[in-house]
């Protein structure tokens, strides 16, 4: 019997934990992220955890610990179509 993927809720719990942290610590960013990705937790989590070129290869979640304003500015640029 394989135990691979024996706990699918573990990944969901991790996603929820990161999103809950974002909601608690950076509510304005959380709101902007949810609006842009139509309240899809999976898509929001993916965006938060994948490295981004504008963040010098850091993920937005990593960048939050350094400078949260940069993450918000990136979200605003995405919303307004400013990819310069």
C-alpha atoms as a PDB file:
ATOM      1  CA  UNK A   1       0.000   0.000   0.000  1.00  0.00           C
ATOM      2  CA  UNK A   2       1.415   3.347  -1.031  1.00  0.00           C
ATOM      3  CA  UNK A   3       1.363   6.278   1.360  1.00  0.00           C
ATOM      4  CA  UNK A   4       1.981   8.748  -1.427  1.00  0.00           C
ATOM      5  CA  UNK A   5      -0.534  11.578  -1.166  1.00  0.00           C
ATOM      6  CA  UNK A   6      -2.017   9.857   1.877  1.00  0.00           C
ATOM      7  CA  UNK A   7      -2.935  13.239   3.337  1.00  0.00           C
ATOM      8  CA  UNK A   8      -4.231  15.534   0.594  1.00  0.00           C
ATOM      9  CA  UNK A   9      -5.481  17.974   3.210  1.00  0.00           C
ATOM     10  CA  UNK A  10      -1.889  18.685   4.291  1.00  0.00           C
ATOM     11  CA  UNK A  11      -1.268  20.759   1.159  1.00  0.00           C
ATOM     12  CA  UNK A  12      -4.602  22.509   1.627  1.00  0.00           C
ATOM     13  CA  UNK A  13      -3.676  23.211   5.263  1.00  0.00           C
ATOM     14  CA  UNK A  14      -0.342  24.714   4.188  1.00  0.00           C
ATOM     15  CA  UNK A  15      -2.100  26.894   1.619  1.00  0.00           C
ATOM     16  CA  UNK A  16      -4.621  28.004   4.200  1.00  0.00           C
ATOM     17  CA  UNK A  17      -1.893  28.726   6.751  1.00  0.00           C
ATOM     18  CA  UNK A  18      -0.017  31.020   4.348  1.00  0.00           C
ATOM     19  CA  UNK A  19      -3.205  32.773   3.283  1.00  0.00           C
ATOM     20  CA  UNK A  20      -4.309  33.124   6.914  1.00  0.00           C
ATOM     21  CA  UNK A  21      -0.900  34.610   7.767  1.00  0.00           C
ATOM     22  CA  UNK A  22      -1.260  37.059   4.900  1.00  0.00           C
ATOM     23  CA  UNK A  23      -4.781  37.946   6.033  1.00  0.00           C
ATOM     24  CA  UNK A  24      -3.627  38.531   9.616  1.00  0.00           C
ATOM     25  CA  UNK A  25      -0.414  40.420   8.870  1.00  0.00           C
ATOM     26  CA  UNK A  26      -1.129  42.223   5.579  1.00  0.00           C
ATOM     27  CA  UNK A  27      -4.893  42.496   5.217  1.00  0.00           C
ATOM     28  CA  UNK A  28      -4.723  45.125   2.461  1.00  0.00           C
ATOM     29  CA  UNK A  29      -2.521  42.858   0.342  1.00  0.00           C
ATOM     30  CA  UNK A  30      -4.772  39.885   1.109  1.00  0.00           C
ATOM     31  CA  UNK A  31      -7.836  41.823  -0.087  1.00  0.00           C
ATOM     32  CA  UNK A  32      -6.122  42.966  -3.284  1.00  0.00           C
ATOM     33  CA  UNK A  33      -4.894  39.446  -4.025  1.00  0.00           C
ATOM     34  CA  UNK A  34      -8.319  37.905  -3.451  1.00  0.00           C
ATOM     35  CA  UNK A  35     -10.040  40.466  -5.691  1.00  0.00           C
ATOM     36  CA  UNK A  36      -7.547  39.998  -8.513  1.00  0.00           C
ATOM     37  CA  UNK A  37      -7.717  36.207  -8.418  1.00  0.00           C
ATOM     38  CA  UNK A  38     -11.478  36.054  -7.852  1.00  0.00           C
ATOM     39  CA  UNK A  39     -11.213  34.524  -4.363  1.00  0.00           C
ATOM     40  CA  UNK A  40      -9.563  31.344  -5.685  1.00  0.00           C
ATOM     41  CA  UNK A  41      -7.372  30.176  -2.784  1.00  0.00           C
ATOM     42  CA  UNK A  42      -5.378  27.798  -4.983  1.00  0.00           C
ATOM     43  CA  UNK A  43      -4.458  30.501  -7.514  1.00  0.00           C
ATOM     44  CA  UNK A  44      -3.689  33.001  -4.750  1.00  0.00           C
ATOM     45  CA  UNK A  45      -1.389  30.520  -3.030  1.00  0.00           C
ATOM     46  CA  UNK A  46       0.394  29.730  -6.277  1.00  0.00           C
ATOM     47  CA  UNK A  47       0.963  33.425  -7.000  1.00  0.00           C
ATOM     48  CA  UNK A  48       2.233  34.008  -3.455  1.00  0.00           C
ATOM     49  CA  UNK A  49       4.735  31.152  -3.478  1.00  0.00           C
ATOM     50  CA  UNK A  50       6.196  31.216  -7.001  1.00  0.00           C
ATOM     51  CA  UNK A  51       9.331  33.309  -7.654  1.00  0.00           C
ATOM     52  CA  UNK A  52       8.732  36.518  -9.597  1.00  0.00           C
ATOM     53  CA  UNK A  53      11.205  38.319 -11.835  1.00  0.00           C
ATOM     54  CA  UNK A  54      10.195  41.807 -10.570  1.00  0.00           C
ATOM     55  CA  UNK A  55      11.062  40.581  -7.060  1.00  0.00           C
ATOM     56  CA  UNK A  56      14.553  39.464  -8.118  1.00  0.00           C
ATOM     57  CA  UNK A  57      13.479  35.817  -8.083  1.00  0.00           C
ATOM     58  CA  UNK A  58      11.844  35.887  -4.656  1.00  0.00           C
ATOM     59  CA  UNK A  59       8.271  34.825  -4.141  1.00  0.00           C
ATOM     60  CA  UNK A  60       5.802  37.473  -2.998  1.00  0.00           C
ATOM     61  CA  UNK A  61       5.483  35.560   0.286  1.00  0.00           C
ATOM     62  CA  UNK A  62       9.267  35.811   0.826  1.00  0.00           C
ATOM     63  CA  UNK A  63       9.207  39.494  -0.130  1.00  0.00           C
ATOM     64  CA  UNK A  64       6.580  40.242   2.522  1.00  0.00           C
ATOM     65  CA  UNK A  65       9.206  39.735   5.220  1.00  0.00           C
ATOM     66  CA  UNK A  66      11.558  42.188   3.492  1.00  0.00           C
ATOM     67  CA  UNK A  67       9.245  44.901   2.173  1.00  0.00           C
ATOM     68  CA  UNK A  68       5.501  44.293   1.959  1.00  0.00           C
ATOM     69  CA  UNK A  69       4.952  47.562   0.085  1.00  0.00           C
ATOM     70  CA  UNK A  70       6.780  46.117  -2.931  1.00  0.00           C
ATOM     71  CA  UNK A  71       4.250  43.255  -3.066  1.00  0.00           C
ATOM     72  CA  UNK A  72       1.327  45.687  -2.915  1.00  0.00           C
ATOM     73  CA  UNK A  73       2.888  47.833  -5.652  1.00  0.00           C
ATOM     74  CA  UNK A  74       3.253  44.738  -7.831  1.00  0.00           C
ATOM     75  CA  UNK A  75      -0.422  43.848  -7.316  1.00  0.00           C
ATOM     76  CA  UNK A  76      -1.503  47.407  -8.155  1.00  0.00           C
ATOM     77  CA  UNK A  77       0.608  47.365 -11.331  1.00  0.00           C
ATOM     78  CA  UNK A  78      -1.016  44.052 -12.307  1.00  0.00           C
ATOM     79  CA  UNK A  79      -4.507  45.462 -11.720  1.00  0.00           C
ATOM     80  CA  UNK A  80      -3.832  48.623 -13.711  1.00  0.00           C
ATOM     81  CA  UNK A  81      -1.966  46.870 -16.516  1.00  0.00           C
ATOM     82  CA  UNK A  82       1.367  48.618 -15.816  1.00  0.00           C
ATOM     83  CA  UNK A  83       3.983  46.042 -16.724  1.00  0.00           C
ATOM     84  CA  UNK A  84       6.775  48.521 -17.410  1.00  0.00           C
END
